[in-house]
Each structure stands twice: as C-alpha cells, then as structure tokens.
All heavy atoms as atom14 arrays in JSON, in Angstrom:
{
  "sequence": "LMLLNWGLEVYKWRYFTLKIQYLTLTDSIKSVLIGIVAG",
  "atom14_mask": [
    [1, 1, 1, 1, 1, 1, 1, 1, 0, 0, 0, 0, 0, 0],
    [1, 1, 1, 1, 1, 1, 1, 1, 0, 0, 0, 0, 0, 0],
    [1, 1, 1, 1, 1, 1, 1, 1, 0, 0, 0, 0, 0, 0],
    [1, 1, 1, 1, 1, 1, 1, 1, 0, 0, 0, 0, 0, 0],
    [1, 1, 1, 1, 1, 1, 1, 1, 0, 0, 0, 0, 0, 0],
    [1, 1, 1, 1, 1, 1, 1, 1, 1, 1, 1, 1, 1, 1],
    [1, 1, 1, 1, 0, 0, 0, 0, 0, 0, 0, 0, 0, 0],
    [1, 1, 1, 1, 1, 1, 1, 1, 0, 0, 0, 0, 0, 0],
    [1, 1, 1, 1, 1, 1, 1, 1, 1, 0, 0, 0, 0, 0],
    [1, 1, 1, 1, 1, 1, 1, 0, 0, 0, 0, 0, 0, 0],
    [1, 1, 1, 1, 1, 1, 1, 1, 1, 1, 1, 1, 0, 0],
    [1, 1, 1, 1, 1, 1, 1, 1, 1, 0, 0, 0, 0, 0],
    [1, 1, 1, 1, 1, 1, 1, 1, 1, 1, 1, 1, 1, 1],
    [1, 1, 1, 1, 1, 1, 1, 1, 1, 1, 1, 0, 0, 0],
    [1, 1, 1, 1, 1, 1, 1, 1, 1, 1, 1, 1, 0, 0],
    [1, 1, 1, 1, 1, 1, 1, 1, 1, 1, 1, 0, 0, 0],
    [1, 1, 1, 1, 1, 1, 1, 0, 0, 0, 0, 0, 0, 0],
    [1, 1, 1, 1, 1, 1, 1, 1, 0, 0, 0, 0, 0, 0],
    [1, 1, 1, 1, 1, 1, 1, 1, 1, 0, 0, 0, 0, 0],
    [1, 1, 1, 1, 1, 1, 1, 1, 0, 0, 0, 0, 0, 0],
    [1, 1, 1, 1, 1, 1, 1, 1, 1, 0, 0, 0, 0, 0],
    [1, 1, 1, 1, 1, 1, 1, 1, 1, 1, 1, 1, 0, 0],
    [1, 1, 1, 1, 1, 1, 1, 1, 0, 0, 0, 0, 0, 0],
    [1, 1, 1, 1, 1, 1, 1, 0, 0, 0, 0, 0, 0, 0],
    [1, 1, 1, 1, 1, 1, 1, 1, 0, 0, 0, 0, 0, 0],
    [1, 1, 1, 1, 1, 1, 1, 0, 0, 0, 0, 0, 0, 0],
    [1, 1, 1, 1, 1, 1, 1, 1, 0, 0, 0, 0, 0, 0],
    [1, 1, 1, 1, 1, 1, 0, 0, 0, 0, 0, 0, 0, 0],
    [1, 1, 1, 1, 1, 1, 1, 1, 0, 0, 0, 0, 0, 0],
    [1, 1, 1, 1, 1, 1, 1, 1, 1, 0, 0, 0, 0, 0],
    [1, 1, 1, 1, 1, 1, 0, 0, 0, 0, 0, 0, 0, 0],
    [1, 1, 1, 1, 1, 1, 1, 0, 0, 0, 0, 0, 0, 0],
    [1, 1, 1, 1, 1, 1, 1, 1, 0, 0, 0, 0, 0, 0],
    [1, 1, 1, 1, 1, 1, 1, 1, 0, 0, 0, 0, 0, 0],
    [1, 1, 1, 1, 0, 0, 0, 0, 0, 0, 0, 0, 0, 0],
    [1, 1, 1, 1, 1, 1, 1, 1, 0, 0, 0, 0, 0, 0],
    [1, 1, 1, 1, 1, 1, 1, 0, 0, 0, 0, 0, 0, 0],
    [1, 1, 1, 1, 1, 0, 0, 0, 0, 0, 0, 0, 0, 0],
    [1, 1, 1, 1, 0, 0, 0, 0, 0, 0, 0, 0, 0, 0]
  ],
  "atom14_positions": [
    [[80.04, 36.97, 145.24], [78.57, 37.29, 145.26], [78.4, 38.78, 145.33], [77.49, 39.35, 144.86], [77.85, 36.6, 146.28], [77.55, 35.03, 146.11], [77.0, 34.42, 147.37], [76.6, 34.88, 144.91], [0.0, 0.0, 0.0], [0.0, 0.0, 0.0], [0.0, 0.0, 0.0], [0.0, 0.0, 0.0], [0.0, 0.0, 0.0], [0.0, 0.0, 0.0]],
    [[79.41, 39.5, 146.0], [79.29, 40.93, 146.1], [79.39, 41.56, 144.72], [78.66, 42.51, 144.4], [80.44, 41.45, 146.99], [80.56, 42.97, 147.12], [81.62, 43.73, 145.88], [83.2, 43.25, 146.51], [0.0, 0.0, 0.0], [0.0, 0.0, 0.0], [0.0, 0.0, 0.0], [0.0, 0.0, 0.0], [0.0, 0.0, 0.0], [0.0, 0.0, 0.0]],
    [[80.26, 41.01, 143.86], [80.42, 41.51, 142.54], [79.22, 41.32, 141.82], [78.7, 42.24, 141.03], [81.58, 40.78, 141.78], [82.98, 41.02, 142.44], [84.04, 40.22, 141.69], [83.38, 42.54, 142.4], [0.0, 0.0, 0.0], [0.0, 0.0, 0.0], [0.0, 0.0, 0.0], [0.0, 0.0, 0.0], [0.0, 0.0, 0.0], [0.0, 0.0, 0.0]],
    [[78.51, 40.16, 141.88], [77.26, 39.86, 141.24], [76.19, 40.82, 141.71], [75.34, 41.35, 140.94], [76.87, 38.44, 141.44], [75.46, 38.02, 140.85], [75.45, 38.21, 139.35], [75.18, 36.55, 141.15], [0.0, 0.0, 0.0], [0.0, 0.0, 0.0], [0.0, 0.0, 0.0], [0.0, 0.0, 0.0], [0.0, 0.0, 0.0], [0.0, 0.0, 0.0]],
    [[76.16, 41.01, 143.02], [75.13, 41.86, 143.74], [75.17, 43.27, 143.16], [74.15, 43.77, 142.67], [75.44, 41.91, 145.17], [74.36, 42.71, 145.94], [73.32, 43.04, 145.52], [74.65, 42.99, 147.23], [0.0, 0.0, 0.0], [0.0, 0.0, 0.0], [0.0, 0.0, 0.0], [0.0, 0.0, 0.0], [0.0, 0.0, 0.0], [0.0, 0.0, 0.0]],
    [[76.34, 43.94, 143.19], [76.45, 45.23, 142.71], [76.38, 45.4, 141.17], [75.98, 46.36, 140.61], [77.77, 45.92, 143.19], [77.63, 46.25, 144.66], [78.3, 45.69, 145.71], [76.76, 47.28, 145.2], [77.91, 46.33, 146.91], [76.93, 47.3, 146.62], [75.81, 48.21, 144.69], [76.27, 48.09, 147.48], [75.13, 48.96, 145.55], [75.28, 48.96, 146.97]],
    [[76.68, 44.24, 140.51], [76.61, 44.23, 139.04], [75.12, 44.32, 138.65], [74.77, 44.99, 137.68], [0.0, 0.0, 0.0], [0.0, 0.0, 0.0], [0.0, 0.0, 0.0], [0.0, 0.0, 0.0], [0.0, 0.0, 0.0], [0.0, 0.0, 0.0], [0.0, 0.0, 0.0], [0.0, 0.0, 0.0], [0.0, 0.0, 0.0], [0.0, 0.0, 0.0]],
    [[74.32, 43.67, 139.39], [72.85, 43.71, 139.21], [72.24, 45.11, 139.49], [71.45, 45.65, 138.77], [72.1, 42.69, 140.08], [72.19, 41.25, 139.6], [71.59, 40.31, 140.71], [71.39, 41.08, 138.29], [0.0, 0.0, 0.0], [0.0, 0.0, 0.0], [0.0, 0.0, 0.0], [0.0, 0.0, 0.0], [0.0, 0.0, 0.0], [0.0, 0.0, 0.0]],
    [[72.84, 45.77, 140.54], [72.42, 47.15, 140.82], [72.82, 48.07, 139.68], [72.04, 48.97, 139.37], [73.0, 47.59, 142.14], [72.64, 49.01, 142.56], [71.13, 49.14, 142.76], [70.42, 48.22, 142.97], [70.68, 50.35, 142.68], [0.0, 0.0, 0.0], [0.0, 0.0, 0.0], [0.0, 0.0, 0.0], [0.0, 0.0, 0.0], [0.0, 0.0, 0.0]],
    [[73.96, 47.91, 139.16], [74.42, 48.78, 138.02], [73.48, 48.56, 136.86], [73.13, 49.5, 136.15], [75.91, 48.4, 137.65], [76.26, 49.05, 136.28], [76.86, 48.86, 138.71], [0.0, 0.0, 0.0], [0.0, 0.0, 0.0], [0.0, 0.0, 0.0], [0.0, 0.0, 0.0], [0.0, 0.0, 0.0], [0.0, 0.0, 0.0], [0.0, 0.0, 0.0]],
    [[73.21, 47.24, 136.56], [72.27, 46.91, 135.45], [70.95, 47.57, 135.66], [70.39, 48.23, 134.74], [72.16, 45.44, 135.29], [71.09, 45.03, 134.28], [71.33, 45.11, 132.95], [69.84, 44.65, 134.76], [70.35, 44.77, 132.03], [68.84, 44.29, 133.97], [69.09, 44.34, 132.51], [68.09, 43.91, 131.61], [0.0, 0.0, 0.0], [0.0, 0.0, 0.0]],
    [[70.4, 47.51, 136.8], [69.03, 48.07, 137.17], [69.07, 49.55, 136.93], [68.15, 50.13, 136.36], [68.66, 47.65, 138.61], [67.28, 48.12, 139.0], [66.89, 47.51, 140.32], [67.78, 48.03, 141.49], [67.28, 47.57, 142.81], [0.0, 0.0, 0.0], [0.0, 0.0, 0.0], [0.0, 0.0, 0.0], [0.0, 0.0, 0.0], [0.0, 0.0, 0.0]],
    [[70.07, 50.2, 137.56], [70.18, 51.64, 137.47], [70.3, 52.11, 136.04], [69.59, 52.97, 135.56], [71.33, 52.16, 138.32], [71.8, 53.58, 138.04], [72.98, 54.04, 137.59], [71.0, 54.73, 138.42], [72.98, 55.38, 137.54], [71.85, 55.81, 138.01], [69.7, 54.98, 138.91], [71.37, 57.17, 138.14], [69.31, 56.3, 139.02], [70.16, 57.37, 138.7]],
    [[71.2, 51.43, 135.25], [71.37, 51.86, 133.86], [70.17, 51.55, 133.01], [69.76, 52.35, 132.11], [72.71, 51.19, 133.27], [72.98, 51.6, 131.86], [74.38, 51.06, 131.42], [74.79, 51.65, 130.15], [74.68, 50.97, 128.99], [74.19, 49.74, 128.97], [75.06, 51.59, 127.86], [0.0, 0.0, 0.0], [0.0, 0.0, 0.0], [0.0, 0.0, 0.0]],
    [[69.55, 50.4, 133.17], [68.42, 50.02, 132.35], [67.31, 51.06, 132.4], [66.73, 51.43, 131.39], [67.9, 48.68, 132.83], [66.65, 48.18, 132.1], [66.74, 47.56, 130.86], [65.41, 48.44, 132.6], [65.6, 47.13, 130.19], [64.23, 48.03, 131.98], [64.37, 47.41, 130.81], [63.24, 47.03, 130.08], [0.0, 0.0, 0.0], [0.0, 0.0, 0.0]],
    [[66.98, 51.56, 133.62], [65.85, 52.51, 133.76], [66.37, 53.94, 133.46], [65.59, 54.78, 133.03], [65.26, 52.41, 135.11], [64.48, 51.08, 135.27], [65.03, 49.94, 135.88], [63.16, 50.96, 134.84], [64.3, 48.79, 136.0], [62.43, 49.81, 134.94], [63.08, 48.69, 135.49], [0.0, 0.0, 0.0], [0.0, 0.0, 0.0], [0.0, 0.0, 0.0]],
    [[67.62, 54.24, 133.71], [68.13, 55.52, 133.36], [68.16, 55.8, 131.86], [67.98, 56.96, 131.4], [69.58, 55.71, 133.99], [69.51, 55.5, 135.45], [70.03, 57.14, 133.74], [0.0, 0.0, 0.0], [0.0, 0.0, 0.0], [0.0, 0.0, 0.0], [0.0, 0.0, 0.0], [0.0, 0.0, 0.0], [0.0, 0.0, 0.0], [0.0, 0.0, 0.0]],
    [[68.4, 54.76, 131.06], [68.38, 54.85, 129.57], [67.06, 55.28, 129.08], [67.03, 55.8, 127.96], [68.87, 53.55, 129.0], [70.29, 53.12, 129.15], [70.52, 51.76, 128.57], [71.16, 54.21, 128.41], [0.0, 0.0, 0.0], [0.0, 0.0, 0.0], [0.0, 0.0, 0.0], [0.0, 0.0, 0.0], [0.0, 0.0, 0.0], [0.0, 0.0, 0.0]],
    [[66.08, 55.23, 129.86], [64.74, 55.75, 129.33], [64.71, 57.25, 129.29], [63.78, 57.8, 128.72], [63.61, 55.18, 130.31], [63.54, 53.68, 130.23], [62.39, 53.11, 131.14], [62.27, 51.65, 131.1], [61.68, 51.19, 129.76], [0.0, 0.0, 0.0], [0.0, 0.0, 0.0], [0.0, 0.0, 0.0], [0.0, 0.0, 0.0], [0.0, 0.0, 0.0]],
    [[65.63, 57.9, 130.04], [65.61, 59.39, 130.02], [66.9, 59.96, 129.51], [66.95, 61.13, 129.04], [65.4, 59.92, 131.44], [66.52, 59.5, 132.42], [64.0, 59.56, 131.98], [66.47, 60.27, 133.73], [0.0, 0.0, 0.0], [0.0, 0.0, 0.0], [0.0, 0.0, 0.0], [0.0, 0.0, 0.0], [0.0, 0.0, 0.0], [0.0, 0.0, 0.0]],
    [[68.05, 59.22, 129.59], [69.36, 59.69, 129.11], [70.29, 58.53, 128.89], [70.25, 57.52, 129.67], [69.88, 60.6, 130.24], [71.34, 61.13, 129.95], [71.85, 61.86, 131.11], [71.27, 62.79, 131.71], [73.17, 61.67, 131.49], [0.0, 0.0, 0.0], [0.0, 0.0, 0.0], [0.0, 0.0, 0.0], [0.0, 0.0, 0.0], [0.0, 0.0, 0.0]],
    [[71.08, 58.69, 127.85], [72.1, 57.66, 127.57], [73.16, 57.76, 128.63], [73.7, 58.81, 128.95], [72.71, 57.9, 126.19], [73.82, 56.86, 125.96], [73.47, 55.49, 125.6], [75.16, 57.19, 126.0], [74.5, 54.5, 125.45], [76.18, 56.28, 125.8], [75.79, 54.98, 125.5], [76.79, 54.02, 125.33], [0.0, 0.0, 0.0], [0.0, 0.0, 0.0]],
    [[73.54, 56.62, 129.14], [74.64, 56.57, 130.22], [75.46, 55.3, 129.86], [74.98, 54.21, 129.74], [73.94, 56.27, 131.64], [74.75, 56.71, 132.78], [75.1, 58.2, 132.77], [73.99, 56.4, 134.07], [0.0, 0.0, 0.0], [0.0, 0.0, 0.0], [0.0, 0.0, 0.0], [0.0, 0.0, 0.0], [0.0, 0.0, 0.0], [0.0, 0.0, 0.0]],
    [[76.77, 55.52, 129.71], [77.63, 54.45, 129.33], [77.68, 53.47, 130.53], [77.41, 53.82, 131.7], [79.01, 54.92, 129.04], [79.65, 55.5, 130.22], [79.08, 56.0, 127.95], [0.0, 0.0, 0.0], [0.0, 0.0, 0.0], [0.0, 0.0, 0.0], [0.0, 0.0, 0.0], [0.0, 0.0, 0.0], [0.0, 0.0, 0.0], [0.0, 0.0, 0.0]],
    [[78.13, 52.29, 130.3], [78.35, 51.36, 131.29], [79.32, 51.71, 132.28], [79.2, 51.57, 133.5], [78.74, 49.97, 130.67], [79.01, 48.79, 131.69], [77.73, 48.45, 132.51], [79.49, 47.59, 130.98], [0.0, 0.0, 0.0], [0.0, 0.0, 0.0], [0.0, 0.0, 0.0], [0.0, 0.0, 0.0], [0.0, 0.0, 0.0], [0.0, 0.0, 0.0]],
    [[80.45, 52.32, 131.83], [81.46, 52.86, 132.73], [80.94, 53.94, 133.69], [81.17, 53.86, 134.9], [82.7, 53.48, 131.89], [83.22, 52.4, 131.1], [83.69, 53.96, 132.91], [0.0, 0.0, 0.0], [0.0, 0.0, 0.0], [0.0, 0.0, 0.0], [0.0, 0.0, 0.0], [0.0, 0.0, 0.0], [0.0, 0.0, 0.0], [0.0, 0.0, 0.0]],
    [[80.15, 54.81, 133.17], [79.62, 55.94, 133.92], [78.59, 55.31, 134.96], [78.36, 55.82, 136.05], [78.9, 56.97, 133.13], [80.01, 57.95, 132.53], [81.17, 57.83, 132.92], [79.59, 58.77, 131.58], [0.0, 0.0, 0.0], [0.0, 0.0, 0.0], [0.0, 0.0, 0.0], [0.0, 0.0, 0.0], [0.0, 0.0, 0.0], [0.0, 0.0, 0.0]],
    [[77.85, 54.32, 134.5], [76.84, 53.7, 135.39], [77.57, 53.04, 136.65], [77.12, 53.19, 137.7], [76.12, 52.66, 134.66], [75.38, 53.15, 133.61], [0.0, 0.0, 0.0], [0.0, 0.0, 0.0], [0.0, 0.0, 0.0], [0.0, 0.0, 0.0], [0.0, 0.0, 0.0], [0.0, 0.0, 0.0], [0.0, 0.0, 0.0], [0.0, 0.0, 0.0]],
    [[78.68, 52.34, 136.33], [79.46, 51.82, 137.41], [79.95, 52.83, 138.37], [79.96, 52.67, 139.63], [80.64, 50.91, 136.84], [80.02, 49.67, 136.06], [81.54, 50.47, 137.99], [81.14, 48.92, 135.32], [0.0, 0.0, 0.0], [0.0, 0.0, 0.0], [0.0, 0.0, 0.0], [0.0, 0.0, 0.0], [0.0, 0.0, 0.0], [0.0, 0.0, 0.0]],
    [[80.57, 53.96, 137.79], [81.18, 54.98, 138.66], [80.02, 55.64, 139.47], [80.25, 55.89, 140.65], [81.75, 55.98, 137.76], [83.1, 55.57, 137.11], [83.72, 56.61, 136.23], [85.06, 56.19, 135.67], [85.65, 57.24, 134.77], [0.0, 0.0, 0.0], [0.0, 0.0, 0.0], [0.0, 0.0, 0.0], [0.0, 0.0, 0.0], [0.0, 0.0, 0.0]],
    [[78.85, 55.87, 138.94], [77.83, 56.59, 139.63], [77.35, 55.65, 140.81], [77.05, 56.21, 141.89], [76.61, 56.89, 138.76], [76.01, 55.7, 138.24], [0.0, 0.0, 0.0], [0.0, 0.0, 0.0], [0.0, 0.0, 0.0], [0.0, 0.0, 0.0], [0.0, 0.0, 0.0], [0.0, 0.0, 0.0], [0.0, 0.0, 0.0], [0.0, 0.0, 0.0]],
    [[77.29, 54.41, 140.67], [76.85, 53.44, 141.71], [77.95, 53.52, 142.78], [77.59, 53.53, 144.01], [76.54, 52.03, 141.18], [76.4, 51.03, 142.27], [75.31, 52.02, 140.35], [0.0, 0.0, 0.0], [0.0, 0.0, 0.0], [0.0, 0.0, 0.0], [0.0, 0.0, 0.0], [0.0, 0.0, 0.0], [0.0, 0.0, 0.0], [0.0, 0.0, 0.0]],
    [[79.18, 53.36, 142.42], [80.27, 53.35, 143.37], [80.31, 54.65, 144.21], [80.48, 54.63, 145.44], [81.62, 53.21, 142.79], [81.85, 51.78, 142.13], [83.17, 51.68, 141.34], [81.89, 50.73, 143.27], [0.0, 0.0, 0.0], [0.0, 0.0, 0.0], [0.0, 0.0, 0.0], [0.0, 0.0, 0.0], [0.0, 0.0, 0.0], [0.0, 0.0, 0.0]],
    [[80.2, 55.77, 143.55], [80.16, 57.07, 144.22], [78.93, 57.19, 145.22], [79.01, 57.66, 146.28], [80.15, 58.27, 143.28], [81.47, 58.28, 142.45], [79.98, 59.61, 143.96], [81.53, 59.3, 141.37], [0.0, 0.0, 0.0], [0.0, 0.0, 0.0], [0.0, 0.0, 0.0], [0.0, 0.0, 0.0], [0.0, 0.0, 0.0], [0.0, 0.0, 0.0]],
    [[77.8, 56.61, 144.72], [76.63, 56.57, 145.55], [76.8, 55.74, 146.85], [76.38, 56.13, 147.92], [0.0, 0.0, 0.0], [0.0, 0.0, 0.0], [0.0, 0.0, 0.0], [0.0, 0.0, 0.0], [0.0, 0.0, 0.0], [0.0, 0.0, 0.0], [0.0, 0.0, 0.0], [0.0, 0.0, 0.0], [0.0, 0.0, 0.0], [0.0, 0.0, 0.0]],
    [[77.61, 54.69, 146.78], [77.95, 53.88, 147.95], [78.69, 54.69, 148.92], [78.42, 54.67, 150.1], [78.71, 52.61, 147.55], [77.83, 51.67, 146.66], [79.15, 51.89, 148.78], [78.63, 50.56, 146.05], [0.0, 0.0, 0.0], [0.0, 0.0, 0.0], [0.0, 0.0, 0.0], [0.0, 0.0, 0.0], [0.0, 0.0, 0.0], [0.0, 0.0, 0.0]],
    [[79.67, 55.48, 148.48], [80.46, 56.32, 149.34], [79.57, 57.37, 150.05], [79.61, 57.56, 151.22], [81.62, 57.06, 148.57], [82.38, 57.98, 149.47], [82.56, 56.07, 147.92], [0.0, 0.0, 0.0], [0.0, 0.0, 0.0], [0.0, 0.0, 0.0], [0.0, 0.0, 0.0], [0.0, 0.0, 0.0], [0.0, 0.0, 0.0], [0.0, 0.0, 0.0]],
    [[78.74, 58.07, 149.23], [77.85, 59.06, 149.77], [76.87, 58.38, 150.75], [76.5, 59.06, 151.74], [77.16, 59.8, 148.7], [0.0, 0.0, 0.0], [0.0, 0.0, 0.0], [0.0, 0.0, 0.0], [0.0, 0.0, 0.0], [0.0, 0.0, 0.0], [0.0, 0.0, 0.0], [0.0, 0.0, 0.0], [0.0, 0.0, 0.0], [0.0, 0.0, 0.0]],
    [[76.42, 57.14, 150.45], [75.46, 56.53, 151.31], [76.0, 56.23, 152.67], [75.33, 56.26, 153.67], [0.0, 0.0, 0.0], [0.0, 0.0, 0.0], [0.0, 0.0, 0.0], [0.0, 0.0, 0.0], [0.0, 0.0, 0.0], [0.0, 0.0, 0.0], [0.0, 0.0, 0.0], [0.0, 0.0, 0.0], [0.0, 0.0, 0.0], [0.0, 0.0, 0.0]]
  ]
}
C-alpha cells in the first residue's frame, strides 16, 4: 500500500505540474523521493 500511496502522490504532482512544464515520469518520481528526504 505504501507503493500505491506514493504512486498516487507522483501522479498528482506530475498531472498538475504538466500544466506549466513537461516533466517525465522518472523525474516526477525522483522529485517526490527527494522531497521526502528534505521533508
């Protein structure tokens, strides 16, 4: 369920970010993971 949970967060972040800039799925995953570390 953790994988599903963060998968949904990646989808949410990428879906709305694409409205201002193209972001690959790989970069979306990396940005969320780095955000977790910083958080």
